[in-house]
Amino acid sequence: QVQLVESGGSSVQAGGALRLSCAASGYSSYCMGWFRRAPGKEREGVAVIHLDGITHYADSVKGRFTISQDSARDTLYLQMNNLKPEDTAMYYCAAAVLRTDCFAVTHEGTYYAMDYWGKGTLVTISS
């Protein structure tokens, strides 16, 4: 059974840092990623990492967030630095197990395809 369990969400002031973790079990993934949903907004992709190490970040977090995995690839991390109030959201971990590609960058934007999702961890940034 596939399980994704996020942790590390908290309330911090703007300019601070947090590290989110996602414990993964029950499968081998081709791709994993972090997504977020801010109050009143649609879910958006934050960062993804492919089996071959390729990463992709949303423009809004480039240079501030870093996605990584441990050597066993059973824990996914998101290091978030220089946090801003607009980063406030529920953050979700996701995994692509049934497909080899989980994202595609086009001139219209980035499209994601994930198969399993965690329940989320809340990040609140105060100004």
N, C-alpha and C. Protein backbone atom coordinates (compact mmCIF):
# COMPACT_ATOMS: atom_id res chain seq x y z
N GLN A 1 0.84 -1.18 0.00
CA GLN A 1 0.00 0.00 0.00
C GLN A 1 0.88 1.24 0.00
N VAL A 2 0.60 2.15 -0.90
CA VAL A 2 1.38 3.38 -1.01
C VAL A 2 0.98 4.35 0.09
N GLN A 3 1.99 4.86 0.78
CA GLN A 3 1.75 5.87 1.81
C GLN A 3 2.73 7.02 1.68
N LEU A 4 2.20 8.22 1.79
CA LEU A 4 3.01 9.43 1.79
C LEU A 4 2.58 10.24 3.00
N VAL A 5 3.52 10.52 3.88
CA VAL A 5 3.19 11.24 5.11
C VAL A 5 4.11 12.45 5.24
N GLU A 6 3.50 13.63 5.17
CA GLU A 6 4.26 14.88 5.27
C GLU A 6 4.43 15.30 6.73
N SER A 7 5.50 16.05 6.97
CA SER A 7 5.73 16.65 8.27
C SER A 7 6.61 17.87 8.10
N GLY A 8 6.69 18.67 9.16
CA GLY A 8 7.57 19.82 9.14
C GLY A 8 6.88 21.15 8.98
N GLY A 9 5.58 21.13 8.71
CA GLY A 9 4.86 22.39 8.57
C GLY A 9 4.80 23.12 9.90
N SER A 10 4.81 24.44 9.81
CA SER A 10 4.80 25.25 11.04
C SER A 10 4.45 26.69 10.69
N SER A 11 4.41 27.52 11.71
CA SER A 11 4.20 28.96 11.53
C SER A 11 5.51 29.67 11.81
N VAL A 12 5.98 30.43 10.84
CA VAL A 12 7.23 31.18 11.01
C VAL A 12 7.05 32.58 10.43
N GLN A 13 7.98 33.45 10.77
CA GLN A 13 7.93 34.81 10.25
C GLN A 13 8.58 34.88 8.87
N ALA A 14 8.19 35.89 8.13
CA ALA A 14 8.79 36.10 6.82
C ALA A 14 10.30 36.21 6.95
N GLY A 15 10.98 35.62 5.98
CA GLY A 15 12.43 35.60 6.01
C GLY A 15 13.00 34.36 6.66
N GLY A 16 12.15 33.61 7.33
CA GLY A 16 12.59 32.41 8.00
C GLY A 16 12.71 31.22 7.06
N ALA A 17 12.99 30.06 7.65
CA ALA A 17 13.18 28.84 6.87
C ALA A 17 12.46 27.66 7.52
N LEU A 18 12.08 26.72 6.68
CA LEU A 18 11.48 25.48 7.14
C LEU A 18 11.96 24.35 6.24
N ARG A 19 11.97 23.14 6.77
CA ARG A 19 12.23 21.97 5.96
C ARG A 19 11.07 21.00 6.11
N LEU A 20 10.44 20.72 5.00
CA LEU A 20 9.36 19.74 4.98
C LEU A 20 9.93 18.37 4.64
N SER A 21 9.32 17.35 5.22
CA SER A 21 9.72 15.97 4.93
C SER A 21 8.50 15.18 4.49
N CYS A 22 8.75 14.18 3.68
CA CYS A 22 7.68 13.29 3.24
C CYS A 22 8.21 11.87 3.32
N ALA A 23 7.65 11.09 4.21
CA ALA A 23 8.04 9.69 4.35
C ALA A 23 7.22 8.86 3.38
N ALA A 24 7.91 8.13 2.51
CA ALA A 24 7.24 7.36 1.47
C ALA A 24 7.45 5.88 1.69
N SER A 25 6.41 5.11 1.46
CA SER A 25 6.53 3.66 1.60
C SER A 25 5.56 2.94 0.68
N GLY A 26 5.87 1.69 0.38
CA GLY A 26 4.95 0.84 -0.36
C GLY A 26 5.09 0.85 -1.86
N TYR A 27 6.13 1.52 -2.38
CA TYR A 27 6.24 1.60 -3.84
C TYR A 27 7.64 2.08 -4.22
N SER A 28 7.90 2.04 -5.52
CA SER A 28 9.08 2.70 -6.08
C SER A 28 8.57 3.73 -7.08
N SER A 29 8.98 4.95 -6.92
CA SER A 29 8.46 6.01 -7.76
C SER A 29 9.45 6.40 -8.85
N TYR A 30 8.91 6.93 -9.92
CA TYR A 30 9.72 7.51 -10.98
C TYR A 30 9.98 8.99 -10.71
N CYS A 31 9.07 9.56 -9.96
CA CYS A 31 9.11 11.01 -9.79
C CYS A 31 8.35 11.37 -8.52
N MET A 32 8.83 12.36 -7.79
CA MET A 32 8.11 12.84 -6.62
C MET A 32 8.11 14.36 -6.63
N GLY A 33 7.18 14.92 -5.90
CA GLY A 33 7.12 16.36 -5.92
C GLY A 33 6.36 16.94 -4.75
N TRP A 34 6.48 18.26 -4.63
CA TRP A 34 5.74 19.02 -3.63
C TRP A 34 4.79 19.96 -4.35
N PHE A 35 3.59 20.03 -3.81
CA PHE A 35 2.56 20.92 -4.33
C PHE A 35 1.99 21.70 -3.16
N ARG A 36 1.29 22.77 -3.45
CA ARG A 36 0.68 23.54 -2.37
C ARG A 36 -0.64 24.13 -2.83
N ARG A 37 -1.49 24.36 -1.84
CA ARG A 37 -2.77 25.02 -2.10
C ARG A 37 -2.94 26.12 -1.06
N ALA A 38 -2.92 27.35 -1.53
CA ALA A 38 -3.13 28.50 -0.65
C ALA A 38 -4.63 28.72 -0.47
N PRO A 39 -5.02 29.36 0.60
CA PRO A 39 -6.45 29.63 0.83
C PRO A 39 -7.09 30.35 -0.35
N GLY A 40 -8.15 29.80 -0.87
CA GLY A 40 -8.87 30.43 -1.96
C GLY A 40 -8.25 30.27 -3.33
N LYS A 41 -7.19 29.46 -3.42
CA LYS A 41 -6.51 29.29 -4.70
C LYS A 41 -6.46 27.82 -5.09
N GLU A 42 -6.14 27.58 -6.34
CA GLU A 42 -6.00 26.22 -6.82
C GLU A 42 -4.64 25.65 -6.41
N ARG A 43 -4.58 24.34 -6.40
CA ARG A 43 -3.31 23.69 -6.10
C ARG A 43 -2.30 23.99 -7.20
N GLU A 44 -1.05 24.21 -6.79
CA GLU A 44 0.00 24.48 -7.76
C GLU A 44 1.23 23.64 -7.46
N GLY A 45 1.98 23.37 -8.51
CA GLY A 45 3.23 22.65 -8.35
C GLY A 45 4.30 23.55 -7.77
N VAL A 46 5.08 23.03 -6.85
CA VAL A 46 6.17 23.79 -6.24
C VAL A 46 7.51 23.30 -6.76
N ALA A 47 7.75 22.00 -6.64
CA ALA A 47 9.02 21.42 -7.08
C ALA A 47 8.83 19.93 -7.30
N VAL A 48 9.53 19.41 -8.29
CA VAL A 48 9.51 17.98 -8.55
C VAL A 48 10.92 17.49 -8.77
N ILE A 49 11.12 16.20 -8.51
CA ILE A 49 12.42 15.59 -8.74
C ILE A 49 12.21 14.23 -9.38
N HIS A 50 12.92 14.00 -10.48
CA HIS A 50 12.78 12.76 -11.22
C HIS A 50 13.79 11.73 -10.72
N LEU A 51 13.53 10.50 -11.06
CA LEU A 51 14.41 9.40 -10.70
C LEU A 51 15.85 9.65 -11.14
N ASP A 52 16.02 10.32 -12.28
CA ASP A 52 17.38 10.55 -12.79
C ASP A 52 18.00 11.82 -12.22
N GLY A 53 17.31 12.44 -11.25
CA GLY A 53 17.88 13.59 -10.57
C GLY A 53 17.46 14.93 -11.12
N ILE A 54 16.77 14.93 -12.23
CA ILE A 54 16.30 16.20 -12.81
C ILE A 54 15.27 16.83 -11.89
N THR A 55 15.42 18.13 -11.67
CA THR A 55 14.47 18.86 -10.83
C THR A 55 13.82 19.98 -11.63
N HIS A 56 12.67 20.39 -11.15
CA HIS A 56 11.97 21.51 -11.75
C HIS A 56 11.27 22.28 -10.63
N TYR A 57 11.36 23.61 -10.72
CA TYR A 57 10.77 24.46 -9.69
C TYR A 57 9.80 25.46 -10.31
N ALA A 58 8.80 25.81 -9.55
CA ALA A 58 7.94 26.91 -9.94
C ALA A 58 8.76 28.20 -9.90
N ASP A 59 8.48 29.12 -10.78
CA ASP A 59 9.23 30.38 -10.83
C ASP A 59 9.18 31.11 -9.49
N SER A 60 8.08 31.00 -8.80
CA SER A 60 7.90 31.74 -7.55
C SER A 60 8.80 31.26 -6.43
N VAL A 61 9.39 30.07 -6.56
CA VAL A 61 10.22 29.54 -5.47
C VAL A 61 11.67 29.32 -5.89
N LYS A 62 11.97 29.53 -7.15
CA LYS A 62 13.34 29.32 -7.64
C LYS A 62 14.32 30.18 -6.84
N GLY A 63 15.41 29.55 -6.43
CA GLY A 63 16.42 30.26 -5.67
C GLY A 63 16.16 30.29 -4.18
N ARG A 64 14.95 29.89 -3.77
CA ARG A 64 14.60 29.89 -2.34
C ARG A 64 14.32 28.48 -1.82
N PHE A 65 13.74 27.64 -2.65
CA PHE A 65 13.38 26.28 -2.24
C PHE A 65 14.30 25.27 -2.91
N THR A 66 14.55 24.16 -2.21
CA THR A 66 15.35 23.08 -2.77
C THR A 66 14.67 21.75 -2.47
N ILE A 67 14.44 20.96 -3.51
CA ILE A 67 13.86 19.63 -3.34
C ILE A 67 14.98 18.61 -3.36
N SER A 68 14.86 17.59 -2.53
CA SER A 68 15.89 16.55 -2.49
C SER A 68 15.29 15.26 -1.93
N GLN A 69 16.05 14.18 -2.08
CA GLN A 69 15.65 12.89 -1.52
C GLN A 69 16.83 12.29 -0.80
N ASP A 70 16.56 11.41 0.16
CA ASP A 70 17.66 10.71 0.79
C ASP A 70 18.15 9.61 -0.14
N SER A 71 19.27 8.99 0.20
CA SER A 71 19.89 8.02 -0.70
C SER A 71 19.00 6.80 -0.96
N ALA A 72 18.17 6.46 -0.01
CA ALA A 72 17.28 5.32 -0.18
C ALA A 72 16.01 5.70 -0.95
N ARG A 73 15.87 7.00 -1.21
CA ARG A 73 14.71 7.53 -1.94
C ARG A 73 13.40 7.20 -1.24
N ASP A 74 13.44 7.10 0.09
CA ASP A 74 12.18 6.89 0.79
C ASP A 74 11.77 8.10 1.62
N THR A 75 12.54 9.15 1.55
CA THR A 75 12.15 10.40 2.19
C THR A 75 12.41 11.55 1.22
N LEU A 76 11.40 12.34 1.03
CA LEU A 76 11.48 13.53 0.16
C LEU A 76 11.53 14.76 1.05
N TYR A 77 12.36 15.71 0.67
CA TYR A 77 12.50 16.94 1.45
C TYR A 77 12.20 18.17 0.59
N LEU A 78 11.81 19.21 1.28
CA LEU A 78 11.71 20.52 0.65
C LEU A 78 12.28 21.54 1.62
N GLN A 79 13.47 22.02 1.30
CA GLN A 79 14.08 23.07 2.11
C GLN A 79 13.57 24.41 1.59
N MET A 80 12.96 25.16 2.48
CA MET A 80 12.36 26.44 2.10
C MET A 80 13.05 27.56 2.86
N ASN A 81 13.71 28.43 2.13
CA ASN A 81 14.42 29.56 2.73
C ASN A 81 13.78 30.88 2.30
N ASN A 82 14.09 31.92 3.05
CA ASN A 82 13.57 33.26 2.74
C ASN A 82 12.06 33.19 2.48
N LEU A 83 11.36 32.63 3.41
CA LEU A 83 9.92 32.44 3.23
C LEU A 83 9.17 33.77 3.21
N LYS A 84 8.12 33.79 2.41
CA LYS A 84 7.30 34.98 2.23
C LYS A 84 5.86 34.68 2.64
N PRO A 85 5.10 35.69 2.99
CA PRO A 85 3.69 35.44 3.35
C PRO A 85 2.93 34.71 2.24
N GLU A 86 3.27 34.97 1.00
CA GLU A 86 2.58 34.30 -0.11
C GLU A 86 2.93 32.82 -0.23
N ASP A 87 3.87 32.34 0.59
CA ASP A 87 4.16 30.91 0.63
C ASP A 87 3.21 30.17 1.56
N THR A 88 2.38 30.91 2.27
CA THR A 88 1.41 30.29 3.17
C THR A 88 0.47 29.38 2.38
N ALA A 89 0.41 28.11 2.80
CA ALA A 89 -0.40 27.13 2.08
C ALA A 89 -0.33 25.79 2.78
N MET A 90 -1.21 24.89 2.35
CA MET A 90 -1.07 23.49 2.71
C MET A 90 -0.15 22.87 1.67
N TYR A 91 0.89 22.21 2.14
CA TYR A 91 1.86 21.61 1.24
C TYR A 91 1.65 20.09 1.18
N TYR A 92 1.62 19.58 -0.03
CA TYR A 92 1.37 18.17 -0.26
C TYR A 92 2.54 17.50 -0.97
N CYS A 93 2.81 16.30 -0.55
CA CYS A 93 3.79 15.44 -1.20
C CYS A 93 3.04 14.54 -2.18
N ALA A 94 3.67 14.27 -3.32
CA ALA A 94 3.02 13.42 -4.31
C ALA A 94 4.05 12.55 -5.01
N ALA A 95 3.60 11.43 -5.55
CA ALA A 95 4.50 10.51 -6.23
C ALA A 95 3.87 9.98 -7.51
N ALA A 96 4.71 9.84 -8.51
CA ALA A 96 4.29 9.21 -9.78
C ALA A 96 4.85 7.80 -9.78
N VAL A 97 3.95 6.83 -9.73
CA VAL A 97 4.33 5.43 -9.66
C VAL A 97 3.97 4.69 -10.95
N LEU A 98 2.90 5.13 -11.57
CA LEU A 98 2.36 4.44 -12.74
C LEU A 98 2.84 5.02 -14.05
N ARG A 99 3.67 6.07 -13.97
CA ARG A 99 4.16 6.71 -15.20
C ARG A 99 5.60 7.12 -14.99
N THR A 100 6.36 7.18 -16.07
CA THR A 100 7.78 7.51 -15.95
C THR A 100 8.04 9.01 -15.96
N ASP A 101 7.13 9.79 -16.49
CA ASP A 101 7.29 11.25 -16.52
C ASP A 101 6.16 11.88 -15.72
N CYS A 102 6.51 12.80 -14.86
CA CYS A 102 5.48 13.41 -14.02
C CYS A 102 5.28 14.89 -14.29
N PHE A 103 6.07 15.47 -15.17
CA PHE A 103 5.83 16.87 -15.48
C PHE A 103 6.29 17.18 -16.90
N ALA A 104 5.70 18.21 -17.46
CA ALA A 104 6.03 18.65 -18.80
C ALA A 104 5.97 20.17 -18.83
N VAL A 105 7.04 20.78 -19.28
CA VAL A 105 7.10 22.24 -19.36
C VAL A 105 6.75 22.66 -20.79
N THR A 106 5.74 23.48 -20.92
CA THR A 106 5.32 23.97 -22.23
C THR A 106 5.29 25.49 -22.19
N HIS A 107 5.06 26.11 -23.34
CA HIS A 107 4.99 27.57 -23.39
C HIS A 107 3.74 28.08 -22.68
N GLU A 108 2.80 27.16 -22.42
CA GLU A 108 1.58 27.55 -21.71
C GLU A 108 1.70 27.34 -20.21
N GLY A 109 2.77 26.69 -19.79
CA GLY A 109 2.95 26.43 -18.37
C GLY A 109 3.47 25.02 -18.13
N THR A 110 3.51 24.64 -16.87
CA THR A 110 4.00 23.31 -16.51
C THR A 110 2.82 22.43 -16.13
N TYR A 111 2.80 21.23 -16.69
CA TYR A 111 1.75 20.27 -16.40
C TYR A 111 2.33 19.12 -15.58
N TYR A 112 1.57 18.70 -14.58
CA TYR A 112 2.01 17.65 -13.69
C TYR A 112 1.06 16.46 -13.73
N ALA A 113 1.62 15.28 -13.47
CA ALA A 113 0.79 14.07 -13.41
C ALA A 113 1.34 13.19 -12.30
N MET A 114 0.60 13.09 -11.21
CA MET A 114 0.99 12.29 -10.06
C MET A 114 -0.09 11.26 -9.75
N ASP A 115 0.33 10.17 -9.11
CA ASP A 115 -0.61 9.08 -8.84
C ASP A 115 -1.06 8.99 -7.39
N TYR A 116 -0.19 9.38 -6.49
CA TYR A 116 -0.52 9.27 -5.07
C TYR A 116 -0.18 10.58 -4.36
N TRP A 117 -0.99 10.86 -3.32
CA TRP A 117 -0.86 12.13 -2.61
C TRP A 117 -0.89 11.90 -1.11
N GLY A 118 -0.13 12.74 -0.40
CA GLY A 118 -0.23 12.76 1.04
C GLY A 118 -1.37 13.64 1.48
N LYS A 119 -1.55 13.75 2.78
CA LYS A 119 -2.66 14.54 3.32
C LYS A 119 -2.29 15.98 3.59
N GLY A 120 -1.02 16.30 3.53
CA GLY A 120 -0.59 17.69 3.62
C GLY A 120 -0.06 18.10 4.98
N THR A 121 0.72 19.17 4.95
CA THR A 121 1.23 19.80 6.16
C THR A 121 1.13 21.30 5.97
N LEU A 122 0.69 22.00 7.01
CA LEU A 122 0.37 23.41 6.88
C LEU A 122 1.57 24.30 7.17
N VAL A 123 1.81 25.22 6.26
CA VAL A 123 2.87 26.22 6.41
C VAL A 123 2.22 27.60 6.46
N THR A 124 2.51 28.34 7.52
CA THR A 124 1.95 29.68 7.67
C THR A 124 3.09 30.66 7.87
N ILE A 125 3.15 31.67 7.02
CA ILE A 125 4.21 32.67 7.09
C ILE A 125 3.58 34.02 7.45
N SER A 126 4.05 34.59 8.53
CA SER A 126 3.52 35.89 8.97
C SER A 126 4.49 36.99 8.58
N SER A 127 3.92 38.15 8.29
CA SER A 127 4.75 39.28 7.86
C SER A 127 5.25 40.07 9.04
